[in-house]
PDB file of N, CA and C in Angstrom:
ATOM      1  N   UNK A   1       0.852  -1.170   0.000  1.00  0.00           N
ATOM      2  CA  UNK A   1       0.000   0.000   0.000  1.00  0.00           C
ATOM      3  C   UNK A   1       0.899   1.235   0.000  1.00  0.00           C
ATOM      4  N   UNK A   2       0.532   2.185  -0.788  1.00  0.00           N
ATOM      5  CA  UNK A   2       1.300   3.417  -0.896  1.00  0.00           C
ATOM      6  C   UNK A   2       0.464   4.583  -0.382  1.00  0.00           C
ATOM      7  N   UNK A   3       1.119   5.522   0.242  1.00  0.00           N
ATOM      8  CA  UNK A   3       0.454   6.747   0.684  1.00  0.00           C
ATOM      9  C   UNK A   3       1.231   7.920   0.112  1.00  0.00           C
ATOM     10  N   UNK A   4       0.515   8.900  -0.369  1.00  0.00           N
ATOM     11  CA  UNK A   4       1.178  10.075  -0.909  1.00  0.00           C
ATOM     12  C   UNK A   4       1.406   9.954  -2.404  1.00  0.00           C
ATOM     13  N   UNK A   5       2.483  10.561  -2.874  1.00  0.00           N
ATOM     14  CA  UNK A   5       2.796  10.596  -4.301  1.00  0.00           C
ATOM     15  C   UNK A   5       3.518   9.306  -4.684  1.00  0.00           C
ATOM     16  N   UNK A   6       3.049   8.672  -5.741  1.00  0.00           N
ATOM     17  CA  UNK A   6       3.630   7.407  -6.192  1.00  0.00           C
ATOM     18  C   UNK A   6       4.498   7.654  -7.421  1.00  0.00           C
ATOM     19  N   UNK A   7       5.719   7.152  -7.386  1.00  0.00           N
ATOM     20  CA  UNK A   7       6.620   7.195  -8.535  1.00  0.00           C
ATOM     21  C   UNK A   7       6.342   5.938  -9.360  1.00  0.00           C
ATOM     22  N   UNK A   8       5.557   6.085 -10.435  1.00  0.00           N
ATOM     23  CA  UNK A   8       5.104   4.927 -11.188  1.00  0.00           C
ATOM     24  C   UNK A   8       6.239   4.201 -11.903  1.00  0.00           C
ATOM     25  N   UNK A   9       7.283   4.916 -12.311  1.00  0.00           N
ATOM     26  CA  UNK A   9       8.426   4.254 -12.951  1.00  0.00           C
ATOM     27  C   UNK A   9       9.132   3.343 -11.954  1.00  0.00           C
ATOM     28  N   UNK A  10       9.320   3.842 -10.743  1.00  0.00           N
ATOM     29  CA  UNK A  10       9.973   3.042  -9.707  1.00  0.00           C
ATOM     30  C   UNK A  10       9.084   1.868  -9.291  1.00  0.00           C
ATOM     31  N   UNK A  11       7.771   2.116  -9.209  1.00  0.00           N
ATOM     32  CA  UNK A  11       6.827   1.057  -8.858  1.00  0.00           C
ATOM     33  C   UNK A  11       6.841  -0.044  -9.915  1.00  0.00           C
ATOM     34  N   UNK A  12       6.852   0.341 -11.195  1.00  0.00           N
ATOM     35  CA  UNK A  12       6.890  -0.655 -12.276  1.00  0.00           C
ATOM     36  C   UNK A  12       8.179  -1.463 -12.214  1.00  0.00           C
ATOM     37  N   UNK A  13       9.299  -0.794 -11.971  1.00  0.00           N
ATOM     38  CA  UNK A  13      10.576  -1.501 -11.849  1.00  0.00           C
ATOM     39  C   UNK A  13      10.544  -2.465 -10.665  1.00  0.00           C
ATOM     40  N   UNK A  14       9.928  -2.056  -9.573  1.00  0.00           N
ATOM     41  CA  UNK A  14       9.809  -2.911  -8.394  1.00  0.00           C
ATOM     42  C   UNK A  14       8.967  -4.140  -8.704  1.00  0.00           C
ATOM     43  N   UNK A  15       7.842  -3.936  -9.380  1.00  0.00           N
ATOM     44  CA  UNK A  15       6.960  -5.053  -9.722  1.00  0.00           C
ATOM     45  C   UNK A  15       7.572  -5.974 -10.769  1.00  0.00           C
ATOM     46  N   UNK A  16       8.413  -5.423 -11.639  1.00  0.00           N
ATOM     47  CA  UNK A  16       9.088  -6.235 -12.653  1.00  0.00           C
ATOM     48  C   UNK A  16      10.317  -6.955 -12.098  1.00  0.00           C
ATOM     49  N   UNK A  17      10.690  -6.661 -10.868  1.00  0.00           N
ATOM     50  CA  UNK A  17      11.845  -7.302 -10.253  1.00  0.00           C
ATOM     51  C   UNK A  17      13.163  -6.671 -10.624  1.00  0.00           C
ATOM     52  N   UNK A  18      13.139  -5.475 -11.185  1.00  0.00           N
ATOM     53  CA  UNK A  18      14.363  -4.804 -11.620  1.00  0.00           C
ATOM     54  C   UNK A  18      14.933  -3.876 -10.553  1.00  0.00           C
ATOM     55  N   UNK A  19      14.139  -3.554  -9.563  1.00  0.00           N
ATOM     56  CA  UNK A  19      14.565  -2.585  -8.550  1.00  0.00           C
ATOM     57  C   UNK A  19      15.314  -3.296  -7.438  1.00  0.00           C
ATOM     58  N   UNK A  20      16.552  -2.914  -7.221  1.00  0.00           N
ATOM     59  CA  UNK A  20      17.359  -3.540  -6.186  1.00  0.00           C
ATOM     60  C   UNK A  20      17.267  -2.812  -4.857  1.00  0.00           C
ATOM     61  N   UNK A  21      16.809  -1.582  -4.882  1.00  0.00           N
ATOM     62  CA  UNK A  21      16.694  -0.817  -3.646  1.00  0.00           C
ATOM     63  C   UNK A  21      18.013  -0.215  -3.229  1.00  0.00           C
ATOM     64  N   UNK A  22      17.980   0.442  -2.129  1.00  0.00           N
ATOM     65  CA  UNK A  22      19.188   1.055  -1.585  1.00  0.00           C
ATOM     66  C   UNK A  22      19.929   0.038  -0.730  1.00  0.00           C
ATOM     67  N   UNK A  23      21.209   0.017  -0.870  1.00  0.00           N
ATOM     68  CA  UNK A  23      22.039  -0.879  -0.065  1.00  0.00           C
ATOM     69  C   UNK A  23      22.371  -0.177   1.247  1.00  0.00           C
ATOM     70  N   UNK A  24      22.307  -0.926   2.335  1.00  0.00           N
ATOM     71  CA  UNK A  24      22.655  -0.362   3.636  1.00  0.00           C
ATOM     72  C   UNK A  24      24.109  -0.666   3.925  1.00  0.00           C
ATOM     73  N   UNK A  25      24.867   0.380   4.132  1.00  0.00           N
ATOM     74  CA  UNK A  25      26.266   0.223   4.496  1.00  0.00           C
ATOM     75  C   UNK A  25      26.491   0.996   5.782  1.00  0.00           C
ATOM     76  N   UNK A  26      26.410   0.294   6.883  1.00  0.00           N
ATOM     77  CA  UNK A  26      26.586   0.943   8.169  1.00  0.00           C
ATOM     78  C   UNK A  26      26.528  -0.087   9.275  1.00  0.00           C
ATOM     79  N   UNK A  27      26.329   0.406  10.474  1.00  0.00           N
ATOM     80  CA  UNK A  27      26.277  -0.445  11.648  1.00  0.00           C
ATOM     81  C   UNK A  27      24.891  -1.077  11.756  1.00  0.00           C
ATOM     82  N   UNK A  28      24.827  -2.381  11.616  1.00  0.00           N
ATOM     83  CA  UNK A  28      23.554  -3.097  11.671  1.00  0.00           C
ATOM     84  C   UNK A  28      22.919  -2.983  13.058  1.00  0.00           C
ATOM     85  N   UNK A  29      23.724  -2.954  14.088  1.00  0.00           N
ATOM     86  CA  UNK A  29      23.207  -2.830  15.458  1.00  0.00           C
ATOM     87  C   UNK A  29      22.493  -1.487  15.635  1.00  0.00           C
ATOM     88  N   UNK A  30      23.063  -0.423  15.085  1.00  0.00           N
ATOM     89  CA  UNK A  30      22.447   0.900  15.176  1.00  0.00           C
ATOM     90  C   UNK A  30      21.122   0.931  14.408  1.00  0.00           C
ATOM     91  N   UNK A  31      21.096   0.323  13.238  1.00  0.00           N
ATOM     92  CA  UNK A  31      19.866   0.252  12.452  1.00  0.00           C
ATOM     93  C   UNK A  31      18.786  -0.512  13.213  1.00  0.00           C
ATOM     94  N   UNK A  32      19.167  -1.619  13.815  1.00  0.00           N
ATOM     95  CA  UNK A  32      18.231  -2.425  14.596  1.00  0.00           C
ATOM     96  C   UNK A  32      17.684  -1.630  15.777  1.00  0.00           C
ATOM     97  N   UNK A  33      18.552  -0.903  16.472  1.00  0.00           N
ATOM     98  CA  UNK A  33      18.128  -0.100  17.618  1.00  0.00           C
ATOM     99  C   UNK A  33      17.158   1.001  17.194  1.00  0.00           C
ATOM    100  N   UNK A  34      17.459   1.681  16.106  1.00  0.00           N
ATOM    101  CA  UNK A  34      16.568   2.741  15.619  1.00  0.00           C
ATOM    102  C   UNK A  34      15.216   2.183  15.189  1.00  0.00           C
ATOM    103  N   UNK A  35      15.225   1.017  14.530  1.00  0.00           N
ATOM    104  CA  UNK A  35      13.981   0.396  14.090  1.00  0.00           C
ATOM    105  C   UNK A  35      13.094   0.061  15.286  1.00  0.00           C
ATOM    106  N   UNK A  36      13.658  -0.622  16.279  1.00  0.00           N
ATOM    107  CA  UNK A  36      12.858  -1.019  17.434  1.00  0.00           C
ATOM    108  C   UNK A  36      12.440   0.177  18.280  1.00  0.00           C
ATOM    109  N   UNK A  37      13.248   1.222  18.315  1.00  0.00           N
ATOM    110  CA  UNK A  37      12.848   2.441  19.015  1.00  0.00           C
ATOM    111  C   UNK A  37      11.638   3.064  18.321  1.00  0.00           C
ATOM    112  N   UNK A  38      11.628   3.054  16.992  1.00  0.00           N
ATOM    113  CA  UNK A  38      10.479   3.562  16.242  1.00  0.00           C
ATOM    114  C   UNK A  38       9.234   2.738  16.487  1.00  0.00           C
ATOM    115  N   UNK A  39       9.390   1.409  16.531  1.00  0.00           N
ATOM    116  CA  UNK A  39       8.253   0.530  16.820  1.00  0.00           C
ATOM    117  C   UNK A  39       7.728   0.807  18.217  1.00  0.00           C
ATOM    118  N   UNK A  40       8.622   0.912  19.182  1.00  0.00           N
ATOM    119  CA  UNK A  40       8.218   1.179  20.563  1.00  0.00           C
ATOM    120  C   UNK A  40       7.521   2.526  20.684  1.00  0.00           C
ATOM    121  N   UNK A  41       8.036   3.544  20.020  1.00  0.00           N
ATOM    122  CA  UNK A  41       7.395   4.860  20.042  1.00  0.00           C
ATOM    123  C   UNK A  41       5.996   4.800  19.444  1.00  0.00           C
ATOM    124  N   UNK A  42       5.825   4.048  18.373  1.00  0.00           N
ATOM    125  CA  UNK A  42       4.513   3.921  17.739  1.00  0.00           C
ATOM    126  C   UNK A  42       3.521   3.221  18.658  1.00  0.00           C
ATOM    127  N   UNK A  43       3.952   2.150  19.295  1.00  0.00           N
ATOM    128  CA  UNK A  43       3.078   1.421  20.212  1.00  0.00           C
ATOM    129  C   UNK A  43       2.733   2.292  21.409  1.00  0.00           C
ATOM    130  N   UNK A  44       3.720   2.986  21.958  1.00  0.00           N
ATOM    131  CA  UNK A  44       3.465   3.852  23.108  1.00  0.00           C
ATOM    132  C   UNK A  44       2.488   4.965  22.748  1.00  0.00           C
ATOM    133  N   UNK A  45       2.636   5.538  21.579  1.00  0.00           N
ATOM    134  CA  UNK A  45       1.722   6.594  21.136  1.00  0.00           C
ATOM    135  C   UNK A  45       0.314   6.052  20.960  1.00  0.00           C
ATOM    136  N   UNK A  46       0.188   4.885  20.348  1.00  0.00           N
ATOM    137  CA  UNK A  46      -1.135   4.281  20.148  1.00  0.00           C
ATOM    138  C   UNK A  46      -1.798   3.971  21.483  1.00  0.00           C
ATOM    139  N   UNK A  47      -1.036   3.440  22.422  1.00  0.00           N
ATOM    140  CA  UNK A  47      -1.601   3.144  23.742  1.00  0.00           C
ATOM    141  C   UNK A  47      -2.005   4.415  24.471  1.00  0.00           C
ATOM    142  N   UNK A  48      -1.188   5.446  24.378  1.00  0.00           N
ATOM    143  CA  UNK A  48      -1.516   6.710  25.030  1.00  0.00           C
ATOM    144  C   UNK A  48      -2.808   7.278  24.457  1.00  0.00           C
ATOM    145  N   UNK A  49      -2.948   7.250  23.131  1.00  0.00           N
ATOM    146  CA  UNK A  49      -4.171   7.749  22.498  1.00  0.00           C
ATOM    147  C   UNK A  49      -5.381   6.920  22.909  1.00  0.00           C
ATOM    148  N   UNK A  50      -5.215   5.603  23.034  1.00  0.00           N
ATOM    149  CA  UNK A  50      -6.322   4.734  23.429  1.00  0.00           C
ATOM    150  C   UNK A  50      -6.747   5.018  24.867  1.00  0.00           C
ATOM    151  N   UNK A  51      -5.776   5.142  25.771  1.00  0.00           N
ATOM    152  CA  UNK A  51      -6.075   5.375  27.187  1.00  0.00           C
ATOM    153  C   UNK A  51      -6.699   6.747  27.392  1.00  0.00           C
ATOM    154  N   UNK A  52      -6.245   7.744  26.663  1.00  0.00           N
ATOM    155  CA  UNK A  52      -6.734   9.111  26.851  1.00  0.00           C
ATOM    156  C   UNK A  52      -7.853   9.484  25.893  1.00  0.00           C
ATOM    157  N   UNK A  53      -8.484   8.486  25.315  1.00  0.00           N
ATOM    158  CA  UNK A  53      -9.589   8.734  24.392  1.00  0.00           C
ATOM    159  C   UNK A  53     -10.775   9.322  25.159  1.00  0.00           C
ATOM    160  N   UNK A  54     -11.373  10.348  24.613  1.00  0.00           N
ATOM    161  CA  UNK A  54     -12.530  10.969  25.281  1.00  0.00           C
ATOM    162  C   UNK A  54     -13.799  10.629  24.573  1.00  0.00           C
TER     163      UNK A  54
END
């Protein structure tokens, strides 16, 4: 599912299997920490909104 502006050329390349994506060259541990911090922030925000729902 896409939200916002869609780059149809890139989408077609992705669907055709031609798009390799961006390569990650860095510290995998740092990437993992940032990912899980984002997940935790999202869950915490959702729970806060649910608890404080009026």
